Amino acid sequence: MPSPGPGADPAAPAGGGRAAARGDGWLRPALLIVGAVTALRLLVLWLSPTDLYVDESQYWVWGQNPDWGYYSKPPLIAWVIRATTWLAGADTPFTVRLAAPAFHAATALILAALARSLGGRRAAVWTAAAYVTMPFASLGSAVISTDTIMAPFLAGALAFAWRTGGSGRRGDALAAGLLLGLALMAKYAAIYVLAGLALAQIAVPERRIGRGNAAILVLAALAVVAPNLLWNLGHGLATVRHTADNIGWLGADGPGPQPSLASLAAFVAGQFAVFGPVLLPVLLLRLGRRGTPAETWLACFVLPVLVLVALQALLLRANANWTVPAYIPGTVLVVLALARRPRLLALGVGVNAALGAVVLGLFLAAPFPAGPDGRPVLWRYLGAADFSRAVIAEARARGLATVVSDRREVLADLFFTGAGSGLAFHALPPAGRPQDYFQQMFPLPAAASGPVLAALSSPPDCGAGPLAPVASPPTTGGAFAKWAPALYVMEAACARQLSH
């Protein structure tokens, strides 16, 4: 792979004339790198024995009920999964996850095109390699998440925002806004782009997009996301309230700020597993010094995310993946920053590629190896389907048509694994505001009567003392080991009294 060569100013497009029209030859090597990695990831997805994680199976359930929004996330991931499973003609872990490697491949190529306009051909090729081997992209290609679906649209929004600053064209601003809107329809975290754009207007005056174009960009994004916002208004602001609950100290029912240096330290450590152990320090050091206009512009989109999420980690908690919107522009920034240190860049990409190979190996070898606690390393992706099949078999053996549960994790897989079983799956009715999608959309109906099979994490009491389980499907070493749900037969009226 060629190393990025030093340029007079990475903010200026490299090359010209026929070479520029051909893209300076960056596309072919970038396609070869990204295509080879993506093909390998698709093969591993096909061969992997893992089950869907709870969020993945829940997204599949959403896709069976198309809507403009869902309890905890915007709708785009559900639509994508519905499309891939429909095109494949099957509902399997492979078809549910099928879009994930493709979306990361698209993101790598979009960022490469942006890097080409900032630093030339070599920067483009290195950016494609750096993004597609990033640990986040490696794990994000083995499972499907809202970050993955957001990534190419966010990258596209950045690319057109940069173009708008140079061309001043309304069409570029419109494209940036439409892509930002699609990113928001995948995950609300894409809103950080607006903070970065505002900061870039101040820090890089030569790339200002102007008030008119800024208005076009924002209005276009709002137009795309408006159906989801209207859905939220009609559903008690379900997704917005869930987002506030995740933040914790902002929600009305949250615990309030609980500053913790240990939480912040754990968050920082997690970032090495998201962006990479070599490239993350480079990125952080780059944020602390002045660079070219292009580097400063990219830093404007990185800095707000890292600062705000780190503050969240200090005040309460923050998941490691909440910083993903920073590492999309951050990938290009690191490549430009290391233009004169190609060996360090190659080391960073190589280390990340090795970590990606480990991820592929784990998803192929599951349930091996075991972690220090004796559980399989990928325990979250194991055992759910076997548990669901045991529940379905027990219900059929007893002639029961309804299954209820107090766990979102159990219900999500029951809906997926039990599709076509003829059984009805329901959540225990919520005691107050629904706490998940299944409580919101599939609570046990008030009209339900007769016996039901309940998969519960603790013995229920219908008034005559705790019931004895009729079966205890094995959960050791799998996704449900923490709760070890057992199966109980009870009247529907009793199940409704067990409001969860």
Protein backbone atom coordinates (compact mmCIF):
# COMPACT_ATOMS: atom_id res chain seq x y z
CA MET A 1 0.00 0.00 0.00
CA PRO A 2 1.43 3.42 -0.89
CA SER A 3 2.14 5.75 1.96
CA PRO A 4 0.63 9.23 2.19
CA GLY A 5 3.05 11.71 0.81
CA PRO A 6 3.50 15.19 2.18
CA GLY A 7 1.48 17.87 0.44
CA ALA A 8 1.83 21.61 0.50
CA ASP A 9 -1.66 21.95 1.93
CA PRO A 10 -4.00 19.00 2.37
CA ALA A 11 -6.89 21.45 2.26
CA ALA A 12 -6.34 21.85 -1.44
CA PRO A 13 -7.40 19.08 -3.82
CA ALA A 14 -4.43 17.27 -5.24
CA GLY A 15 -3.90 16.84 -8.93
CA GLY A 16 -5.85 18.32 -11.80
CA GLY A 17 -7.03 17.82 -15.33
CA ARG A 18 -7.40 14.24 -16.54
CA ALA A 19 -5.79 12.84 -13.37
CA ALA A 20 -8.36 14.57 -11.21
CA ALA A 21 -11.18 13.38 -13.45
CA ARG A 22 -9.98 9.81 -12.96
CA GLY A 23 -9.75 10.35 -9.21
CA ASP A 24 -5.92 10.16 -9.35
CA GLY A 25 -6.14 6.38 -9.37
CA TRP A 26 -7.15 6.10 -5.70
CA LEU A 27 -10.41 4.27 -6.27
CA ARG A 28 -9.02 0.99 -7.58
CA PRO A 29 -6.60 0.29 -4.69
CA ALA A 30 -9.19 1.49 -2.18
CA LEU A 31 -11.78 -0.85 -3.70
CA LEU A 32 -9.33 -3.75 -3.62
CA ILE A 33 -8.55 -3.22 0.07
CA VAL A 34 -12.13 -2.62 1.15
CA GLY A 35 -13.52 -5.33 -1.12
CA ALA A 36 -11.13 -7.99 0.18
CA VAL A 37 -11.87 -7.18 3.82
CA THR A 38 -15.62 -7.05 3.19
CA ALA A 39 -15.67 -10.36 1.32
CA LEU A 40 -13.86 -12.04 4.22
CA ARG A 41 -16.31 -10.55 6.70
CA LEU A 42 -19.29 -11.78 4.69
CA LEU A 43 -17.81 -15.27 4.63
CA VAL A 44 -17.38 -15.22 8.42
CA LEU A 45 -20.97 -14.00 8.84
CA TRP A 46 -22.15 -16.92 6.73
CA LEU A 47 -20.17 -19.47 8.73
CA SER A 48 -20.57 -18.01 12.22
CA PRO A 49 -22.57 -20.17 14.67
CA THR A 50 -23.55 -17.18 16.82
CA ASP A 51 -27.12 -16.15 17.62
CA LEU A 52 -28.43 -12.63 17.34
CA TYR A 53 -27.76 -10.30 20.26
CA VAL A 54 -30.90 -8.95 21.94
CA ASP A 55 -30.71 -5.58 20.14
CA GLU A 56 -30.30 -7.28 16.77
CA SER A 57 -33.30 -9.54 17.21
CA GLN A 58 -35.31 -6.58 18.51
CA TYR A 59 -34.42 -4.58 15.39
CA TRP A 60 -35.65 -7.53 13.31
CA VAL A 61 -38.96 -7.45 15.20
CA TRP A 62 -39.24 -3.75 14.49
CA GLY A 63 -38.73 -4.46 10.81
CA GLN A 64 -41.75 -6.77 10.82
CA ASN A 65 -43.84 -3.79 11.95
CA PRO A 66 -42.74 -0.89 9.70
CA ASP A 67 -43.18 2.49 11.34
CA TRP A 68 -41.63 5.95 11.49
CA GLY A 69 -40.10 5.28 14.88
CA TYR A 70 -39.65 2.76 17.65
CA TYR A 71 -39.32 2.77 21.41
CA SER A 72 -35.57 3.28 21.72
CA LYS A 73 -34.22 4.21 18.28
CA PRO A 74 -35.17 5.90 15.00
CA PRO A 75 -36.44 3.54 12.28
CA LEU A 76 -33.71 3.24 9.64
CA ILE A 77 -32.04 0.11 11.02
CA ALA A 78 -35.37 -1.72 11.08
CA TRP A 79 -36.04 -0.76 7.48
CA VAL A 80 -32.60 -1.93 6.38
CA ILE A 81 -32.99 -5.30 8.11
CA ARG A 82 -36.46 -5.72 6.62
CA ALA A 83 -34.97 -5.04 3.18
CA THR A 84 -32.02 -7.43 3.49
CA THR A 85 -34.10 -10.31 4.85
CA TRP A 86 -36.73 -9.76 2.17
CA LEU A 87 -34.14 -9.67 -0.61
CA ALA A 88 -32.46 -12.80 0.78
CA GLY A 89 -35.79 -14.57 1.19
CA ALA A 90 -34.88 -15.79 4.67
CA ASP A 91 -34.75 -14.63 8.28
CA THR A 92 -31.44 -15.84 9.72
CA PRO A 93 -28.65 -14.21 11.72
CA PHE A 94 -26.71 -13.93 8.45
CA THR A 95 -29.44 -12.08 6.56
CA VAL A 96 -30.20 -9.83 9.54
CA ARG A 97 -26.53 -8.79 9.69
CA LEU A 98 -25.96 -8.78 5.95
CA ALA A 99 -25.96 -5.01 5.53
CA ALA A 100 -23.37 -4.40 8.25
CA PRO A 101 -20.17 -5.18 6.27
CA ALA A 102 -21.59 -3.39 3.21
CA PHE A 103 -22.37 -0.22 5.17
CA HIS A 104 -18.86 -0.11 6.61
CA ALA A 105 -17.41 -0.69 3.15
CA ALA A 106 -19.45 2.22 1.82
CA THR A 107 -18.30 4.43 4.71
CA ALA A 108 -14.66 3.61 4.01
CA LEU A 109 -15.00 4.60 0.36
CA ILE A 110 -16.93 7.80 1.11
CA LEU A 111 -14.28 8.86 3.60
CA ALA A 112 -11.60 7.98 1.08
CA ALA A 113 -13.23 10.33 -1.42
CA LEU A 114 -13.26 13.07 1.22
CA ALA A 115 -9.61 12.38 2.06
CA ARG A 116 -8.70 12.59 -1.61
CA SER A 117 -10.10 16.14 -1.76
CA LEU A 118 -8.20 17.05 1.41
CA GLY A 119 -4.86 15.32 0.95
CA GLY A 120 -4.63 13.59 -2.39
CA ARG A 121 -4.48 10.02 -3.69
CA ARG A 122 -2.34 8.47 -0.95
CA ALA A 123 -4.47 9.97 1.80
CA ALA A 124 -7.54 8.48 0.12
CA VAL A 125 -6.11 4.96 -0.02
CA TRP A 126 -4.83 5.10 3.55
CA THR A 127 -8.15 6.44 4.80
CA ALA A 128 -10.01 3.53 3.21
CA ALA A 129 -7.61 1.10 4.87
CA ALA A 130 -7.68 2.89 8.23
CA TYR A 131 -11.46 3.00 8.45
CA VAL A 132 -12.22 -0.51 7.24
CA THR A 133 -9.75 -1.98 9.77
CA MET A 134 -10.85 0.19 12.71
CA PRO A 135 -11.92 -2.05 15.64
CA PHE A 136 -15.36 -0.44 15.62
CA ALA A 137 -15.78 -1.33 11.95
CA SER A 138 -14.55 -4.88 12.57
CA LEU A 139 -17.01 -5.63 15.36
CA GLY A 140 -19.66 -3.53 13.63
CA SER A 141 -19.40 -5.79 10.59
CA ALA A 142 -19.93 -8.95 12.66
CA VAL A 143 -23.15 -7.64 14.25
CA ILE A 144 -25.59 -4.97 13.13
CA SER A 145 -26.10 -1.76 15.08
CA THR A 146 -27.47 1.73 14.65
CA ASP A 147 -23.90 3.10 14.60
CA THR A 148 -23.20 1.01 11.51
CA ILE A 149 -26.31 2.22 9.71
CA MET A 150 -25.55 5.82 10.64
CA ALA A 151 -21.91 5.75 9.51
CA PRO A 152 -22.09 6.09 5.68
CA PHE A 153 -24.73 8.84 5.84
CA LEU A 154 -22.74 10.79 8.41
CA ALA A 155 -19.61 10.40 6.27
CA GLY A 156 -21.53 11.59 3.23
CA ALA A 157 -22.87 14.60 5.13
CA LEU A 158 -19.31 15.56 6.09
CA ALA A 159 -18.09 15.17 2.51
CA PHE A 160 -20.80 17.44 1.11
CA ALA A 161 -20.39 19.94 3.96
CA TRP A 162 -16.72 20.26 3.00
CA ARG A 163 -17.68 20.71 -0.65
CA THR A 164 -20.22 23.36 0.31
CA GLY A 165 -17.50 25.37 2.04
CA GLY A 166 -15.50 25.40 -1.19
CA SER A 167 -18.21 25.67 -3.83
CA GLY A 168 -20.89 27.65 -2.04
CA ARG A 169 -23.44 25.68 -4.08
CA ARG A 170 -26.89 25.19 -2.64
CA GLY A 171 -27.03 21.73 -4.15
CA ASP A 172 -24.06 20.63 -2.04
CA ALA A 173 -25.69 22.07 1.11
CA LEU A 174 -28.93 20.29 0.24
CA ALA A 175 -27.11 16.97 -0.22
CA ALA A 176 -25.31 17.43 3.10
CA GLY A 177 -28.60 18.11 4.85
CA LEU A 178 -30.42 15.16 3.29
CA LEU A 179 -27.60 12.80 4.25
CA LEU A 180 -27.49 14.22 7.77
CA GLY A 181 -31.23 13.62 8.02
CA LEU A 182 -30.74 9.98 7.03
CA ALA A 183 -27.96 9.67 9.61
CA LEU A 184 -30.37 11.02 12.23
CA MET A 185 -32.97 8.48 11.10
CA ALA A 186 -30.40 5.84 12.08
CA LYS A 187 -29.21 7.37 15.36
CA TYR A 188 -29.75 10.71 17.03
CA ALA A 189 -26.02 10.96 17.79
CA ALA A 190 -25.57 12.29 14.25
CA ILE A 191 -26.73 15.63 15.67
CA TYR A 192 -23.11 16.20 16.71
CA VAL A 193 -22.45 17.16 13.09
CA LEU A 194 -24.30 20.42 13.63
CA ALA A 195 -22.11 21.25 16.63
CA GLY A 196 -19.02 20.50 14.55
CA LEU A 197 -20.29 22.60 11.68
CA ALA A 198 -20.92 25.55 13.97
CA LEU A 199 -17.43 25.24 15.42
CA ALA A 200 -15.90 24.97 11.95
CA GLN A 201 -17.65 28.19 10.91
CA ILE A 202 -15.62 29.96 13.59
CA ALA A 203 -12.33 28.08 13.43
CA VAL A 204 -11.94 27.78 9.64
CA PRO A 205 -13.35 30.97 8.07
CA GLU A 206 -12.14 30.02 4.59
CA ARG A 207 -14.53 27.01 4.62
CA ARG A 208 -17.62 28.81 5.90
CA ILE A 209 -20.76 27.63 4.13
CA GLY A 210 -22.72 30.85 4.68
CA ARG A 211 -26.01 31.47 6.43
CA GLY A 212 -28.14 30.58 3.43
CA ASN A 213 -26.48 27.24 2.88
CA ALA A 214 -26.51 26.54 6.62
CA ALA A 215 -30.28 27.11 6.62
CA ILE A 216 -30.70 24.81 3.61
CA LEU A 217 -28.63 22.10 5.30
CA VAL A 218 -30.57 22.27 8.58
CA LEU A 219 -33.99 22.46 6.92
CA ALA A 220 -33.18 19.51 4.64
CA ALA A 221 -32.12 17.42 7.63
CA LEU A 222 -35.28 18.40 9.50
CA ALA A 223 -37.43 17.48 6.51
CA VAL A 224 -35.96 13.98 6.44
CA VAL A 225 -36.25 13.37 10.18
CA ALA A 226 -39.64 15.13 10.57
CA PRO A 227 -41.73 11.93 10.26
CA ASN A 228 -39.81 10.42 13.16
CA LEU A 229 -40.22 13.57 15.24
CA LEU A 230 -43.96 13.53 14.56
CA TRP A 231 -44.08 9.83 15.48
CA ASN A 232 -42.42 10.68 18.79
CA LEU A 233 -44.98 13.39 19.49
CA GLY A 234 -47.73 10.86 18.89
CA HIS A 235 -46.10 8.23 21.13
CA GLY A 236 -45.32 10.17 24.27
CA LEU A 237 -41.81 11.13 23.06
CA ALA A 238 -40.84 7.47 23.57
CA THR A 239 -37.46 7.57 21.81
CA VAL A 240 -36.54 10.97 23.23
CA ARG A 241 -37.40 9.84 26.76
CA HIS A 242 -35.42 6.64 26.30
CA THR A 243 -32.41 8.68 25.14
CA ALA A 244 -32.72 10.85 28.26
CA ASP A 245 -32.96 7.69 30.37
CA ASN A 246 -29.71 6.44 28.80
CA ILE A 247 -27.99 9.69 29.68
CA GLY A 248 -29.38 9.22 33.18
CA TRP A 249 -28.78 12.48 34.99
CA LEU A 250 -30.83 14.46 32.45
CA GLY A 251 -34.01 12.39 32.80
CA ALA A 252 -36.68 13.28 35.33
CA ASP A 253 -36.35 9.82 36.85
CA GLY A 254 -32.56 9.70 36.61
CA PRO A 255 -30.23 9.35 39.57
CA GLY A 256 -28.65 12.76 39.04
CA PRO A 257 -24.95 13.43 38.42
CA GLN A 258 -22.63 11.05 40.27
CA PRO A 259 -19.11 12.17 39.28
CA SER A 260 -16.67 9.29 39.09
CA LEU A 261 -13.07 9.29 37.90
CA ALA A 262 -13.27 5.49 37.69
CA SER A 263 -16.14 5.76 35.22
CA LEU A 264 -14.17 8.27 33.16
CA ALA A 265 -11.06 6.04 33.22
CA ALA A 266 -13.10 3.03 32.07
CA PHE A 267 -14.57 5.12 29.27
CA VAL A 268 -11.15 6.31 28.10
CA ALA A 269 -9.80 2.75 28.16
CA GLY A 270 -12.75 1.65 26.04
CA GLN A 271 -11.85 4.17 23.35
CA PHE A 272 -8.68 2.24 22.54
CA ALA A 273 -10.92 -0.72 21.69
CA VAL A 274 -13.08 1.46 19.43
CA PHE A 275 -10.50 3.41 17.42
CA GLY A 276 -7.32 1.42 17.98
CA PRO A 277 -4.41 1.44 20.44
CA VAL A 278 -1.95 3.18 18.10
CA LEU A 279 -4.16 5.63 16.22
CA LEU A 280 -6.15 6.92 19.23
CA PRO A 281 -3.14 8.63 20.90
CA VAL A 282 -2.26 10.20 17.54
CA LEU A 283 -5.77 11.58 17.23
CA LEU A 284 -5.80 12.97 20.77
CA LEU A 285 -2.39 14.60 20.33
CA ARG A 286 -3.49 16.11 17.03
CA LEU A 287 -6.48 17.74 18.72
CA GLY A 288 -4.07 19.63 20.96
CA ARG A 289 -2.10 21.42 18.24
CA ARG A 290 -2.66 23.68 15.26
CA GLY A 291 -2.75 22.04 11.83
CA THR A 292 -3.71 22.82 8.25
CA PRO A 293 -7.17 24.27 7.56
CA ALA A 294 -8.35 20.82 6.51
CA GLU A 295 -7.10 19.25 9.74
CA THR A 296 -8.65 22.00 11.83
CA TRP A 297 -11.96 21.58 10.01
CA LEU A 298 -12.01 17.84 10.74
CA ALA A 299 -11.00 18.44 14.36
CA CYS A 300 -14.08 20.62 14.78
CA PHE A 301 -16.25 17.53 14.20
CA VAL A 302 -14.17 15.33 16.49
CA LEU A 303 -13.68 17.53 19.53
CA PRO A 304 -17.32 18.20 20.58
CA VAL A 305 -18.15 14.49 20.58
CA LEU A 306 -15.17 13.44 22.66
CA VAL A 307 -15.56 16.28 25.15
CA LEU A 308 -19.31 15.87 25.65
CA VAL A 309 -19.25 12.09 25.92
CA ALA A 310 -16.25 12.19 28.27
CA LEU A 311 -18.19 14.66 30.42
CA GLN A 312 -21.13 12.24 30.41
CA ALA A 313 -18.78 9.44 31.48
CA LEU A 314 -17.48 11.57 34.34
CA LEU A 315 -20.95 12.60 35.55
CA LEU A 316 -22.53 9.14 35.39
CA ARG A 317 -21.61 6.65 32.67
CA ALA A 318 -21.06 6.43 28.92
CA ASN A 319 -20.88 3.47 26.58
CA ALA A 320 -17.68 3.20 24.55
CA ASN A 321 -19.55 3.33 21.22
CA TRP A 322 -21.15 6.71 21.97
CA THR A 323 -18.07 8.39 20.47
CA VAL A 324 -18.40 6.74 17.05
CA PRO A 325 -19.47 10.03 15.37
CA ALA A 326 -16.04 11.42 16.32
CA TYR A 327 -14.06 8.63 14.72
CA ILE A 328 -15.64 8.97 11.29
CA PRO A 329 -13.99 12.34 10.64
CA GLY A 330 -11.24 11.30 13.04
CA THR A 331 -10.07 8.61 10.64
CA VAL A 332 -9.34 11.16 7.92
CA LEU A 333 -7.76 13.50 10.45
CA VAL A 334 -5.32 10.85 11.64
CA VAL A 335 -4.30 9.99 8.09
CA LEU A 336 -3.61 13.64 7.29
CA ALA A 337 -1.75 14.13 10.57
CA LEU A 338 0.52 11.17 9.79
CA ALA A 339 1.20 12.19 6.19
CA ARG A 340 4.90 12.50 7.00
CA ARG A 341 5.04 9.45 9.26
CA PRO A 342 3.83 6.63 7.03
CA ARG A 343 5.48 3.92 9.14
CA LEU A 344 3.50 4.92 12.22
CA LEU A 345 0.33 5.03 10.13
CA ALA A 346 1.08 1.59 8.72
CA LEU A 347 1.69 0.29 12.25
CA GLY A 348 -1.65 1.67 13.44
CA VAL A 349 -3.55 0.17 10.53
CA GLY A 350 -1.70 -3.12 10.90
CA VAL A 351 -2.47 -3.41 14.61
CA ASN A 352 -6.12 -2.66 13.94
CA ALA A 353 -6.21 -5.24 11.14
CA ALA A 354 -4.77 -7.83 13.53
CA LEU A 355 -7.46 -6.98 16.10
CA GLY A 356 -10.06 -7.34 13.35
CA ALA A 357 -8.72 -10.78 12.51
CA VAL A 358 -9.15 -11.75 16.18
CA VAL A 359 -12.79 -10.59 16.03
CA LEU A 360 -13.39 -12.72 12.93
CA GLY A 361 -11.75 -15.70 14.63
CA LEU A 362 -13.94 -15.34 17.71
CA PHE A 363 -17.14 -15.28 15.66
CA LEU A 364 -15.98 -18.37 13.78
CA ALA A 365 -14.80 -20.35 16.83
CA ALA A 366 -17.71 -19.58 19.19
CA PRO A 367 -18.44 -20.89 21.80
CA PHE A 368 -14.64 -21.11 22.16
CA PRO A 369 -12.60 -19.65 23.75
CA ALA A 370 -13.68 -19.08 27.34
CA GLY A 371 -12.91 -15.90 29.24
CA PRO A 372 -11.38 -15.58 32.72
CA ASP A 373 -14.80 -16.16 34.29
CA GLY A 374 -15.21 -19.46 32.45
CA ARG A 375 -17.93 -18.16 30.15
CA PRO A 376 -17.45 -18.03 26.38
CA VAL A 377 -16.01 -14.69 25.30
CA LEU A 378 -19.01 -14.20 23.02
CA TRP A 379 -21.60 -15.35 25.57
CA ARG A 380 -23.92 -12.49 24.59
CA TYR A 381 -24.31 -14.09 21.15
CA LEU A 382 -24.91 -17.67 22.29
CA GLY A 383 -27.72 -19.78 23.69
CA ALA A 384 -30.69 -17.55 22.92
CA ALA A 385 -32.06 -19.61 20.04
CA ASP A 386 -31.72 -22.88 21.96
CA PHE A 387 -33.60 -21.37 24.90
CA SER A 388 -36.36 -20.10 22.61
CA ARG A 389 -36.71 -23.49 20.93
CA ALA A 390 -37.05 -25.11 24.35
CA VAL A 391 -39.79 -22.64 25.30
CA ILE A 392 -41.65 -23.24 22.05
CA ALA A 393 -41.40 -27.02 22.45
CA GLU A 394 -42.73 -26.81 26.02
CA ALA A 395 -45.67 -24.64 24.96
CA ARG A 396 -46.58 -27.02 22.15
CA ALA A 397 -46.25 -30.07 24.38
CA ARG A 398 -48.72 -28.53 26.83
CA GLY A 399 -51.09 -27.22 24.18
CA LEU A 400 -50.53 -23.60 25.17
CA ALA A 401 -50.83 -20.86 22.55
CA THR A 402 -49.49 -17.90 24.55
CA VAL A 403 -46.04 -17.28 26.01
CA VAL A 404 -45.25 -14.34 28.29
CA SER A 405 -41.98 -13.12 29.77
CA ASP A 406 -40.60 -10.40 32.00
CA ARG A 407 -37.37 -10.04 30.01
CA ARG A 408 -36.89 -8.01 26.84
CA GLU A 409 -33.95 -10.27 25.98
CA VAL A 410 -36.13 -13.40 26.05
CA LEU A 411 -39.00 -11.84 24.14
CA ALA A 412 -36.78 -10.45 21.39
CA ASP A 413 -35.41 -13.89 20.56
CA LEU A 414 -38.79 -15.61 21.01
CA PHE A 415 -40.23 -13.34 18.32
CA PHE A 416 -37.29 -14.05 16.00
CA THR A 417 -36.75 -17.77 16.60
CA GLY A 418 -40.49 -18.40 17.06
CA ALA A 419 -41.60 -16.64 13.87
CA GLY A 420 -44.07 -18.94 12.15
CA SER A 421 -44.56 -21.09 15.25
CA GLY A 422 -48.19 -20.04 15.61
CA LEU A 423 -47.59 -18.95 19.21
CA ALA A 424 -48.37 -15.51 20.58
CA PHE A 425 -45.62 -13.80 22.57
CA HIS A 426 -46.34 -11.04 25.08
CA ALA A 427 -44.62 -8.97 27.76
CA LEU A 428 -45.98 -8.73 31.26
CA PRO A 429 -48.04 -5.53 31.39
CA PRO A 430 -45.92 -2.59 32.61
CA ALA A 431 -46.60 -1.24 36.09
CA GLY A 432 -46.20 2.32 34.78
CA ARG A 433 -44.55 3.78 31.69
CA PRO A 434 -43.42 1.03 29.29
CA GLN A 435 -39.71 0.31 29.71
CA ASP A 436 -39.13 -1.39 26.36
CA TYR A 437 -40.67 -2.00 22.94
CA PHE A 438 -42.41 -5.21 23.97
CA GLN A 439 -44.10 -3.63 26.96
CA GLN A 440 -45.14 -0.77 24.69
CA MET A 441 -46.49 -2.81 21.77
CA PHE A 442 -47.04 -6.39 22.96
CA PRO A 443 -48.28 -6.40 26.57
CA LEU A 444 -50.48 -9.33 27.56
CA PRO A 445 -53.99 -8.24 26.48
CA ALA A 446 -56.56 -7.54 29.16
CA ALA A 447 -58.92 -9.94 27.38
CA ALA A 448 -56.47 -12.88 27.50
CA SER A 449 -57.77 -15.85 29.47
CA GLY A 450 -56.82 -19.43 30.21
CA PRO A 451 -53.39 -20.84 30.98
CA VAL A 452 -50.21 -19.36 29.55
CA LEU A 453 -46.56 -20.39 29.62
CA ALA A 454 -44.38 -17.83 31.37
CA ALA A 455 -40.59 -17.52 31.03
CA LEU A 456 -39.68 -15.59 34.17
CA SER A 457 -36.48 -14.66 35.96
CA SER A 458 -37.97 -15.36 39.42
CA PRO A 459 -40.77 -17.63 40.73
CA PRO A 460 -44.20 -15.96 40.45
CA ASP A 461 -46.74 -15.92 43.26
CA CYS A 462 -50.40 -16.04 42.30
CA GLY A 463 -51.60 -15.90 45.90
CA ALA A 464 -50.89 -19.44 47.07
CA GLY A 465 -47.11 -19.15 47.35
CA PRO A 466 -44.40 -19.23 44.68
CA LEU A 467 -45.13 -21.53 41.73
CA ALA A 468 -42.79 -24.37 40.93
CA PRO A 469 -41.22 -24.29 37.46
CA VAL A 470 -42.40 -26.86 34.93
CA ALA A 471 -39.05 -26.68 33.12
CA SER A 472 -35.70 -24.93 33.36
CA PRO A 473 -34.04 -24.72 29.93
CA PRO A 474 -30.25 -24.56 30.22
CA THR A 475 -28.77 -21.07 30.12
CA THR A 476 -25.22 -21.67 31.41
CA GLY A 477 -22.60 -19.85 29.35
CA GLY A 478 -25.20 -18.10 27.20
CA ALA A 479 -27.00 -14.81 26.80
CA PHE A 480 -29.61 -15.56 29.49
CA ALA A 481 -27.30 -16.95 32.17
CA LYS A 482 -27.56 -13.76 34.23
CA TRP A 483 -31.30 -14.24 34.79
CA ALA A 484 -31.63 -18.02 34.25
CA PRO A 485 -35.34 -17.80 33.34
CA ALA A 486 -37.47 -20.82 34.18
CA LEU A 487 -40.84 -21.82 32.73
CA TYR A 488 -44.12 -21.68 34.65
CA VAL A 489 -47.73 -22.47 33.76
CA MET A 490 -50.25 -19.99 35.16
CA GLU A 491 -53.55 -18.34 34.36
CA ALA A 492 -53.45 -15.23 32.20
CA ALA A 493 -55.19 -13.32 35.01
CA CYS A 494 -52.28 -14.12 37.32
CA ALA A 495 -49.72 -13.09 34.70
CA ARG A 496 -51.41 -9.69 34.37
CA GLN A 497 -51.00 -9.18 38.11
CA LEU A 498 -47.23 -9.65 37.78
CA SER A 499 -46.85 -6.20 36.22
CA HIS A 500 -43.18 -5.72 35.43
